[in-house]
PDB file of N, CA and C in Angstrom:
ATOM      1  N   ILE A   1     -21.975  33.302  -0.316  1.00  0.00           N
ATOM      2  CA  ILE A   1     -21.115  33.448  -1.481  1.00  0.00           C
ATOM      3  C   ILE A   1     -19.659  33.274  -1.074  1.00  0.00           C
ATOM      4  N   THR A   2     -19.281  33.837   0.051  1.00  0.00           N
ATOM      5  CA  THR A   2     -17.911  33.693   0.525  1.00  0.00           C
ATOM      6  C   THR A   2     -17.559  32.229   0.757  1.00  0.00           C
ATOM      7  N   GLU A   3     -18.481  31.475   1.316  1.00  0.00           N
ATOM      8  CA  GLU A   3     -18.233  30.060   1.599  1.00  0.00           C
ATOM      9  C   GLU A   3     -18.069  29.246   0.317  1.00  0.00           C
ATOM     10  N   ILE A   4     -18.866  29.518  -0.706  1.00  0.00           N
ATOM     11  CA  ILE A   4     -18.735  28.759  -1.956  1.00  0.00           C
ATOM     12  C   ILE A   4     -17.416  29.096  -2.649  1.00  0.00           C
ATOM     13  N   ILE A   5     -16.980  30.338  -2.568  1.00  0.00           N
ATOM     14  CA  ILE A   5     -15.698  30.714  -3.171  1.00  0.00           C
ATOM     15  C   ILE A   5     -14.549  30.031  -2.432  1.00  0.00           C
ATOM     16  N   LYS A   6     -14.650  29.931  -1.102  1.00  0.00           N
ATOM     17  CA  LYS A   6     -13.646  29.191  -0.330  1.00  0.00           C
ATOM     18  C   LYS A   6     -13.652  27.711  -0.711  1.00  0.00           C
ATOM     19  N   ALA A   7     -14.845  27.134  -0.880  1.00  0.00           N
ATOM     20  CA  ALA A   7     -14.955  25.723  -1.263  1.00  0.00           C
ATOM     21  C   ALA A   7     -14.360  25.488  -2.651  1.00  0.00           C
ATOM     22  N   LEU A   8     -14.608  26.407  -3.572  1.00  0.00           N
ATOM     23  CA  LEU A   8     -14.001  26.292  -4.902  1.00  0.00           C
ATOM     24  C   LEU A   8     -12.481  26.333  -4.792  1.00  0.00           C
ATOM     25  N   ASP A   9     -11.976  27.265  -4.012  1.00  0.00           N
ATOM     26  CA  ASP A   9     -10.534  27.383  -3.825  1.00  0.00           C
ATOM     27  C   ASP A   9      -9.942  26.098  -3.250  1.00  0.00           C
ATOM     28  N   ASN A  10     -10.631  25.505  -2.284  1.00  0.00           N
ATOM     29  CA  ASN A  10     -10.170  24.249  -1.692  1.00  0.00           C
ATOM     30  C   ASN A  10     -10.130  23.113  -2.712  1.00  0.00           C
ATOM     31  N   CYS A  11     -10.944  23.223  -3.758  1.00  0.00           N
ATOM     32  CA  CYS A  11     -10.965  22.217  -4.832  1.00  0.00           C
ATOM     33  C   CYS A  11      -9.997  22.558  -5.957  1.00  0.00           C
ATOM     34  N   GLY A  12      -9.290  23.678  -5.841  1.00  0.00           N
ATOM     35  CA  GLY A  12      -8.351  24.076  -6.880  1.00  0.00           C
ATOM     36  C   GLY A  12      -8.957  24.908  -7.982  1.00  0.00           C
ATOM     37  N   VAL A  13     -10.150  25.439  -7.748  1.00  0.00           N
ATOM     38  CA  VAL A  13     -10.830  26.266  -8.751  1.00  0.00           C
ATOM     39  C   VAL A  13     -10.757  27.721  -8.309  1.00  0.00           C
ATOM     40  N   GLY A  14     -10.171  28.560  -9.150  1.00  0.00           N
ATOM     41  CA  GLY A  14     -10.088  29.987  -8.850  1.00  0.00           C
ATOM     42  C   GLY A  14     -11.387  30.697  -9.195  1.00  0.00           C
ATOM     43  N   PHE A  15     -11.538  31.899  -8.667  1.00  0.00           N
ATOM     44  CA  PHE A  15     -12.741  32.697  -8.931  1.00  0.00           C
ATOM     45  C   PHE A  15     -12.345  34.159  -9.036  1.00  0.00           C
ATOM     46  N   ILE A  16     -12.782  34.809 -10.120  1.00  0.00           N
ATOM     47  CA  ILE A  16     -12.506  36.225 -10.357  1.00  0.00           C
ATOM     48  C   ILE A  16     -13.809  36.919 -10.704  1.00  0.00           C
ATOM     49  N   THR A  17     -14.004  38.110 -10.183  1.00  0.00           N
ATOM     50  CA  THR A  17     -15.142  38.947 -10.550  1.00  0.00           C
ATOM     51  C   THR A  17     -14.643  40.154 -11.325  1.00  0.00           C
ATOM     52  N   LEU A  18     -15.274  40.413 -12.447  1.00  0.00           N
ATOM     53  CA  LEU A  18     -14.969  41.594 -13.259  1.00  0.00           C
ATOM     54  C   LEU A  18     -16.216  42.440 -13.407  1.00  0.00           C
ATOM     55  N   THR A  19     -16.031  43.709 -13.677  1.00  0.00           N
ATOM     56  CA  THR A  19     -17.192  44.512 -14.045  1.00  0.00           C
ATOM     57  C   THR A  19     -17.616  44.106 -15.447  1.00  0.00           C
ATOM     58  N   HIS A  20     -18.853  44.357 -15.780  1.00  0.00           N
ATOM     59  CA  HIS A  20     -19.372  44.005 -17.101  1.00  0.00           C
ATOM     60  C   HIS A  20     -18.514  44.630 -18.188  1.00  0.00           C
ATOM     61  N   LEU A  21     -18.227  43.857 -19.203  1.00  0.00           N
ATOM     62  CA  LEU A  21     -17.442  44.338 -20.332  1.00  0.00           C
ATOM     63  C   LEU A  21     -18.395  44.999 -21.328  1.00  0.00           C
ATOM     64  N   PRO A  22     -18.301  46.318 -21.512  1.00  0.00           N
ATOM     65  CA  PRO A  22     -19.253  47.036 -22.367  1.00  0.00           C
ATOM     66  C   PRO A  22     -19.357  46.430 -23.765  1.00  0.00           C
ATOM     67  N   LYS A  23     -20.556  46.472 -24.302  1.00  0.00           N
ATOM     68  CA  LYS A  23     -20.870  45.993 -25.655  1.00  0.00           C
ATOM     69  C   LYS A  23     -20.643  44.496 -25.818  1.00  0.00           C
ATOM     70  N   THR A  24     -20.697  43.750 -24.711  1.00  0.00           N
ATOM     71  CA  THR A  24     -20.621  42.291 -24.784  1.00  0.00           C
ATOM     72  C   THR A  24     -21.817  41.699 -24.054  1.00  0.00           C
ATOM     73  N   TYR A  25     -22.034  40.429 -24.299  1.00  0.00           N
ATOM     74  CA  TYR A  25     -23.077  39.687 -23.599  1.00  0.00           C
ATOM     75  C   TYR A  25     -22.452  38.627 -22.699  1.00  0.00           C
ATOM     76  N   LEU A  26     -21.211  38.847 -22.294  1.00  0.00           N
ATOM     77  CA  LEU A  26     -20.479  37.860 -21.519  1.00  0.00           C
ATOM     78  C   LEU A  26     -20.887  37.912 -20.045  1.00  0.00           C
ATOM     79  N   ASP A  27     -21.417  36.784 -19.563  1.00  0.00           N
ATOM     80  CA  ASP A  27     -21.813  36.664 -18.161  1.00  0.00           C
ATOM     81  C   ASP A  27     -20.742  35.986 -17.327  1.00  0.00           C
ATOM     82  N   GLY A  28     -20.113  34.984 -17.909  1.00  0.00           N
ATOM     83  CA  GLY A  28     -19.110  34.231 -17.191  1.00  0.00           C
ATOM     84  C   GLY A  28     -18.224  33.476 -18.158  1.00  0.00           C
ATOM     85  N   ALA A  29     -17.156  32.920 -17.618  1.00  0.00           N
ATOM     86  CA  ALA A  29     -16.213  32.162 -18.430  1.00  0.00           C
ATOM     87  C   ALA A  29     -15.394  31.260 -17.524  1.00  0.00           C
ATOM     88  N   VAL A  30     -14.724  30.306 -18.147  1.00  0.00           N
ATOM     89  CA  VAL A  30     -13.762  29.462 -17.451  1.00  0.00           C
ATOM     90  C   VAL A  30     -12.507  29.436 -18.308  1.00  0.00           C
ATOM     91  N   PHE A  31     -11.374  29.588 -17.655  1.00  0.00           N
ATOM     92  CA  PHE A  31     -10.110  29.436 -18.356  1.00  0.00           C
ATOM     93  C   PHE A  31      -9.147  28.700 -17.439  1.00  0.00           C
ATOM     94  N   SER A  32      -8.017  28.294 -18.001  1.00  0.00           N
ATOM     95  CA  SER A  32      -7.028  27.557 -17.244  1.00  0.00           C
ATOM     96  C   SER A  32      -5.869  28.469 -16.863  1.00  0.00           C
ATOM     97  N   TYR A  33      -5.438  28.364 -15.617  1.00  0.00           N
ATOM     98  CA  TYR A  33      -4.271  29.098 -15.141  1.00  0.00           C
ATOM     99  C   TYR A  33      -3.450  28.151 -14.276  1.00  0.00           C
ATOM    100  N   LYS A  34      -2.228  27.896 -14.688  1.00  0.00           N
ATOM    101  CA  LYS A  34      -1.338  26.960 -13.980  1.00  0.00           C
ATOM    102  C   LYS A  34      -2.017  25.607 -13.761  1.00  0.00           C
ATOM    103  N   ASN A  35      -2.650  25.113 -14.822  1.00  0.00           N
ATOM    104  CA  ASN A  35      -3.318  23.800 -14.833  1.00  0.00           C
ATOM    105  C   ASN A  35      -4.515  23.692 -13.894  1.00  0.00           C
ATOM    106  N   ASN A  36      -5.084  24.825 -13.495  1.00  0.00           N
ATOM    107  CA  ASN A  36      -6.302  24.820 -12.681  1.00  0.00           C
ATOM    108  C   ASN A  36      -7.353  25.683 -13.353  1.00  0.00           C
ATOM    109  N   PRO A  37      -8.617  25.293 -13.240  1.00  0.00           N
ATOM    110  CA  PRO A  37      -9.671  26.121 -13.816  1.00  0.00           C
ATOM    111  C   PRO A  37      -9.913  27.375 -12.984  1.00  0.00           C
ATOM    112  N   VAL A  38     -10.268  28.443 -13.678  1.00  0.00           N
ATOM    113  CA  VAL A  38     -10.627  29.703 -13.027  1.00  0.00           C
ATOM    114  C   VAL A  38     -11.969  30.145 -13.586  1.00  0.00           C
ATOM    115  N   ILE A  39     -12.902  30.440 -12.712  1.00  0.00           N
ATOM    116  CA  ILE A  39     -14.225  30.937 -13.113  1.00  0.00           C
ATOM    117  C   ILE A  39     -14.197  32.455 -13.064  1.00  0.00           C
ATOM    118  N   VAL A  40     -14.736  33.065 -14.103  1.00  0.00           N
ATOM    119  CA  VAL A  40     -14.858  34.523 -14.165  1.00  0.00           C
ATOM    120  C   VAL A  40     -16.343  34.866 -14.173  1.00  0.00           C
ATOM    121  N   TYR A  41     -16.742  35.784 -13.316  1.00  0.00           N
ATOM    122  CA  TYR A  41     -18.114  36.307 -13.281  1.00  0.00           C
ATOM    123  C   TYR A  41     -18.040  37.790 -13.616  1.00  0.00           C
ATOM    124  N   THR A  42     -18.777  38.221 -14.644  1.00  0.00           N
ATOM    125  CA  THR A  42     -18.620  39.589 -15.142  1.00  0.00           C
ATOM    126  C   THR A  42     -19.567  40.617 -14.535  1.00  0.00           C
ATOM    127  N   ARG A  43     -20.474  40.212 -13.708  1.00  0.00           N
ATOM    128  CA  ARG A  43     -21.445  41.142 -13.103  1.00  0.00           C
ATOM    129  C   ARG A  43     -22.268  41.883 -14.158  1.00  0.00           C
ATOM    130  N   ARG A  44     -22.523  41.211 -15.276  1.00  0.00           N
ATOM    131  CA  ARG A  44     -23.360  41.817 -16.317  1.00  0.00           C
ATOM    132  C   ARG A  44     -24.714  42.234 -15.743  1.00  0.00           C
ATOM    133  N   TYR A  45     -25.333  41.329 -15.036  1.00  0.00           N
ATOM    134  CA  TYR A  45     -26.542  41.647 -14.270  1.00  0.00           C
ATOM    135  C   TYR A  45     -26.154  41.469 -12.816  1.00  0.00           C
ATOM    136  N   ASP A  46     -26.029  42.524 -12.082  1.00  0.00           N
ATOM    137  CA  ASP A  46     -25.550  42.456 -10.705  1.00  0.00           C
ATOM    138  C   ASP A  46     -26.702  42.075  -9.775  1.00  0.00           C
ATOM    139  N   ARG A  47     -27.136  40.794  -9.904  1.00  0.00           N
ATOM    140  CA  ARG A  47     -28.230  40.270  -9.091  1.00  0.00           C
ATOM    141  C   ARG A  47     -27.820  38.916  -8.530  1.00  0.00           C
ATOM    142  N   THR A  48     -28.312  38.606  -7.367  1.00  0.00           N
ATOM    143  CA  THR A  48     -27.960  37.357  -6.709  1.00  0.00           C
ATOM    144  C   THR A  48     -28.387  36.147  -7.528  1.00  0.00           C
ATOM    145  N   ASP A  49     -29.593  36.145  -8.099  1.00  0.00           N
ATOM    146  CA  ASP A  49     -30.045  34.990  -8.867  1.00  0.00           C
ATOM    147  C   ASP A  49     -29.168  34.767 -10.097  1.00  0.00           C
ATOM    148  N   HIS A  50     -28.755  35.841 -10.725  1.00  0.00           N
ATOM    149  CA  HIS A  50     -27.897  35.723 -11.904  1.00  0.00           C
ATOM    150  C   HIS A  50     -26.512  35.206 -11.518  1.00  0.00           C
ATOM    151  N   PHE A  51     -25.996  35.653 -10.378  1.00  0.00           N
ATOM    152  CA  PHE A  51     -24.716  35.147  -9.893  1.00  0.00           C
ATOM    153  C   PHE A  51     -24.771  33.639  -9.740  1.00  0.00           C
ATOM    154  N   TRP A  52     -25.793  33.117  -9.039  1.00  0.00           N
ATOM    155  CA  TRP A  52     -25.868  31.685  -8.777  1.00  0.00           C
ATOM    156  C   TRP A  52     -26.054  30.886 -10.059  1.00  0.00           C
ATOM    157  N   PHE A  53     -26.869  31.397 -10.979  1.00  0.00           N
ATOM    158  CA  PHE A  53     -27.057  30.692 -12.256  1.00  0.00           C
ATOM    159  C   PHE A  53     -25.739  30.630 -13.022  1.00  0.00           C
ATOM    160  N   THR A  54     -25.050  31.759 -13.135  1.00  0.00           N
ATOM    161  CA  THR A  54     -23.795  31.807 -13.884  1.00  0.00           C
ATOM    162  C   THR A  54     -22.745  30.919 -13.239  1.00  0.00           C
ATOM    163  N   LEU A  55     -22.638  30.957 -11.923  1.00  0.00           N
ATOM    164  CA  LEU A  55     -21.683  30.119 -11.215  1.00  0.00           C
ATOM    165  C   LEU A  55     -21.967  28.640 -11.478  1.00  0.00           C
ATOM    166  N   ALA A  56     -23.213  28.230 -11.350  1.00  0.00           N
ATOM    167  CA  ALA A  56     -23.581  26.833 -11.605  1.00  0.00           C
ATOM    168  C   ALA A  56     -23.277  26.441 -13.049  1.00  0.00           C
ATOM    169  N   HIS A  57     -23.554  27.342 -13.977  1.00  0.00           N
ATOM    170  CA  HIS A  57     -23.302  27.090 -15.395  1.00  0.00           C
ATOM    171  C   HIS A  57     -21.810  26.871 -15.653  1.00  0.00           C
ATOM    172  N   GLU A  58     -20.975  27.715 -15.090  1.00  0.00           N
ATOM    173  CA  GLU A  58     -19.529  27.593 -15.309  1.00  0.00           C
ATOM    174  C   GLU A  58     -18.964  26.365 -14.590  1.00  0.00           C
ATOM    175  N   ILE A  59     -19.478  26.041 -13.412  1.00  0.00           N
ATOM    176  CA  ILE A  59     -19.060  24.819 -12.724  1.00  0.00           C
ATOM    177  C   ILE A  59     -19.413  23.600 -13.582  1.00  0.00           C
ATOM    178  N   ALA A  60     -20.583  23.618 -14.209  1.00  0.00           N
ATOM    179  CA  ALA A  60     -20.978  22.511 -15.087  1.00  0.00           C
ATOM    180  C   ALA A  60     -20.004  22.366 -16.250  1.00  0.00           C
ATOM    181  N   HIS A  61     -19.555  23.483 -16.825  1.00  0.00           N
ATOM    182  CA  HIS A  61     -18.554  23.398 -17.897  1.00  0.00           C
ATOM    183  C   HIS A  61     -17.267  22.748 -17.391  1.00  0.00           C
ATOM    184  N   ILE A  62     -16.854  23.084 -16.173  1.00  0.00           N
ATOM    185  CA  ILE A  62     -15.643  22.475 -15.608  1.00  0.00           C
ATOM    186  C   ILE A  62     -15.842  20.974 -15.449  1.00  0.00           C
ATOM    187  N   ILE A  63     -16.958  20.585 -14.864  1.00  0.00           N
ATOM    188  CA  ILE A  63     -17.219  19.165 -14.613  1.00  0.00           C
ATOM    189  C   ILE A  63     -17.312  18.387 -15.922  1.00  0.00           C
ATOM    190  N   LEU A  64     -18.000  18.936 -16.913  1.00  0.00           N
ATOM    191  CA  LEU A  64     -18.252  18.205 -18.150  1.00  0.00           C
ATOM    192  C   LEU A  64     -17.132  18.289 -19.178  1.00  0.00           C
ATOM    193  N   HIS A  65     -16.388  19.392 -19.197  1.00  0.00           N
ATOM    194  CA  HIS A  65     -15.493  19.622 -20.326  1.00  0.00           C
ATOM    195  C   HIS A  65     -14.055  19.968 -19.986  1.00  0.00           C
ATOM    196  N   TYR A  66     -13.730  20.248 -18.758  1.00  0.00           N
ATOM    197  CA  TYR A  66     -12.423  20.826 -18.457  1.00  0.00           C
ATOM    198  C   TYR A  66     -11.256  19.900 -18.797  1.00  0.00           C
ATOM    199  N   LYS A  67     -11.440  18.612 -18.715  1.00  0.00           N
ATOM    200  CA  LYS A  67     -10.340  17.681 -18.985  1.00  0.00           C
ATOM    201  C   LYS A  67      -9.850  17.749 -20.427  1.00  0.00           C
ATOM    202  N   ASN A  68     -10.661  18.297 -21.332  1.00  0.00           N
ATOM    203  CA  ASN A  68     -10.285  18.413 -22.736  1.00  0.00           C
ATOM    204  C   ASN A  68      -9.736  19.816 -22.987  1.00  0.00           C
ATOM    205  N   ALA A  69      -8.417  19.957 -22.949  1.00  0.00           N
ATOM    206  CA  ALA A  69      -7.773  21.280 -23.046  1.00  0.00           C
ATOM    207  C   ALA A  69      -8.031  21.976 -24.367  1.00  0.00           C
ATOM    208  N   GLU A  70      -8.360  21.240 -25.431  1.00  0.00           N
ATOM    209  CA  GLU A  70      -8.597  21.851 -26.737  1.00  0.00           C
ATOM    210  C   GLU A  70     -10.020  22.372 -26.892  1.00  0.00           C
ATOM    211  N   LEU A  71     -10.891  22.043 -25.982  1.00  0.00           N
ATOM    212  CA  LEU A  71     -12.299  22.379 -26.128  1.00  0.00           C
ATOM    213  C   LEU A  71     -12.572  23.835 -25.795  1.00  0.00           C
ATOM    214  N   CYS A  72     -13.325  24.482 -26.651  1.00  0.00           N
ATOM    215  CA  CYS A  72     -13.770  25.859 -26.415  1.00  0.00           C
ATOM    216  C   CYS A  72     -15.265  25.895 -26.690  1.00  0.00           C
ATOM    217  N   ILE A  73     -16.040  26.311 -25.710  1.00  0.00           N
ATOM    218  CA  ILE A  73     -17.492  26.355 -25.852  1.00  0.00           C
ATOM    219  C   ILE A  73     -17.949  27.788 -25.689  1.00  0.00           C
ATOM    220  N   LEU A  74     -18.733  28.253 -26.631  1.00  0.00           N
ATOM    221  CA  LEU A  74     -19.320  29.589 -26.546  1.00  0.00           C
ATOM    222  C   LEU A  74     -20.828  29.443 -26.505  1.00  0.00           C
ATOM    223  N   ASP A  75     -21.430  29.835 -25.403  1.00  0.00           N
ATOM    224  CA  ASP A  75     -22.885  29.823 -25.277  1.00  0.00           C
ATOM    225  C   ASP A  75     -23.386  31.214 -25.588  1.00  0.00           C
ATOM    226  N   ASN A  76     -24.362  31.317 -26.469  1.00  0.00           N
ATOM    227  CA  ASN A  76     -24.960  32.611 -26.775  1.00  0.00           C
ATOM    228  C   ASN A  76     -26.466  32.461 -26.649  1.00  0.00           C
ATOM    229  N   PHE A  77     -26.974  32.689 -25.448  1.00  0.00           N
ATOM    230  CA  PHE A  77     -28.399  32.530 -25.195  1.00  0.00           C
ATOM    231  C   PHE A  77     -29.219  33.720 -25.676  1.00  0.00           C
ATOM    232  N   ASP A  78     -28.568  34.856 -25.937  1.00  0.00           N
ATOM    233  CA  ASP A  78     -29.282  36.042 -26.388  1.00  0.00           C
ATOM    234  C   ASP A  78     -29.608  35.995 -27.869  1.00  0.00           C
ATOM    235  N   ASP A  79     -28.823  35.269 -28.650  1.00  0.00           N
ATOM    236  CA  ASP A  79     -29.045  35.161 -30.091  1.00  0.00           C
ATOM    237  C   ASP A  79     -29.720  33.827 -30.363  1.00  0.00           C
ATOM    238  N   LYS A  80     -31.006  33.845 -30.628  1.00  0.00           N
ATOM    239  CA  LYS A  80     -31.785  32.622 -30.825  1.00  0.00           C
ATOM    240  C   LYS A  80     -31.369  31.868 -32.091  1.00  0.00           C
ATOM    241  N   ASN A  81     -30.662  32.520 -33.009  1.00  0.00           N
ATOM    242  CA  ASN A  81     -30.250  31.880 -34.247  1.00  0.00           C
ATOM    243  C   ASN A  81     -28.810  31.376 -34.201  1.00  0.00           C
ATOM    244  N   SER A  82     -28.142  31.559 -33.079  1.00  0.00           N
ATOM    245  CA  SER A  82     -26.734  31.160 -33.018  1.00  0.00           C
ATOM    246  C   SER A  82     -26.598  29.648 -32.925  1.00  0.00           C
ATOM    247  N   VAL A  83     -25.509  29.161 -33.432  1.00  0.00           N
ATOM    248  CA  VAL A  83     -25.171  27.739 -33.334  1.00  0.00           C
ATOM    249  C   VAL A  83     -23.987  27.631 -32.386  1.00  0.00           C
ATOM    250  N   PRO A  84     -24.080  26.769 -31.361  1.00  0.00           N
ATOM    251  CA  PRO A  84     -22.970  26.667 -30.418  1.00  0.00           C
ATOM    252  C   PRO A  84     -21.677  26.267 -31.114  1.00  0.00           C
ATOM    253  N   ILE A  85     -20.604  26.901 -30.731  1.00  0.00           N
ATOM    254  CA  ILE A  85     -19.279  26.546 -31.233  1.00  0.00           C
ATOM    255  C   ILE A  85     -18.652  25.679 -30.166  1.00  0.00           C
ATOM    256  N   ASP A  86     -18.293  24.458 -30.537  1.00  0.00           N
ATOM    257  CA  ASP A  86     -17.728  23.586 -29.515  1.00  0.00           C
ATOM    258  C   ASP A  86     -16.256  23.272 -29.725  1.00  0.00           C
ATOM    259  N   ARG A  87     -15.661  23.746 -30.809  1.00  0.00           N
ATOM    260  CA  ARG A  87     -14.227  23.536 -31.014  1.00  0.00           C
ATOM    261  C   ARG A  87     -13.648  24.635 -31.859  1.00  0.00           C
ATOM    262  N   TRP A  88     -12.477  25.054 -31.468  1.00  0.00           N
ATOM    263  CA  TRP A  88     -11.661  25.959 -32.287  1.00  0.00           C
ATOM    264  C   TRP A  88     -10.351  25.256 -32.538  1.00  0.00           C
ATOM    265  N   HIS A  89      -9.869  25.307 -33.747  1.00  0.00           N
ATOM    266  CA  HIS A  89      -8.536  24.730 -34.044  1.00  0.00           C
ATOM    267  C   HIS A  89      -7.671  25.805 -34.633  1.00  0.00           C
TER     268      HIS A  89
END
């Protein structure tokens, strides 16, 4: 884990770990800070497999969507009836 965080840093991608935010289903997020992406991992499920899945998921968002500064994607895998939101204006 330390090596992947160093590799992300070398690529200009920040990484922050937070404790789980009560009453939320937030596992991870990506935001921009000083024109660089930052990955946030919330430790909602403090397990190694969940860490790697969330990290890969957020890296995929960076690769696929980060160049579009107006894009906001909310994934809600817990609500089977939710519709993904892909833009906020």
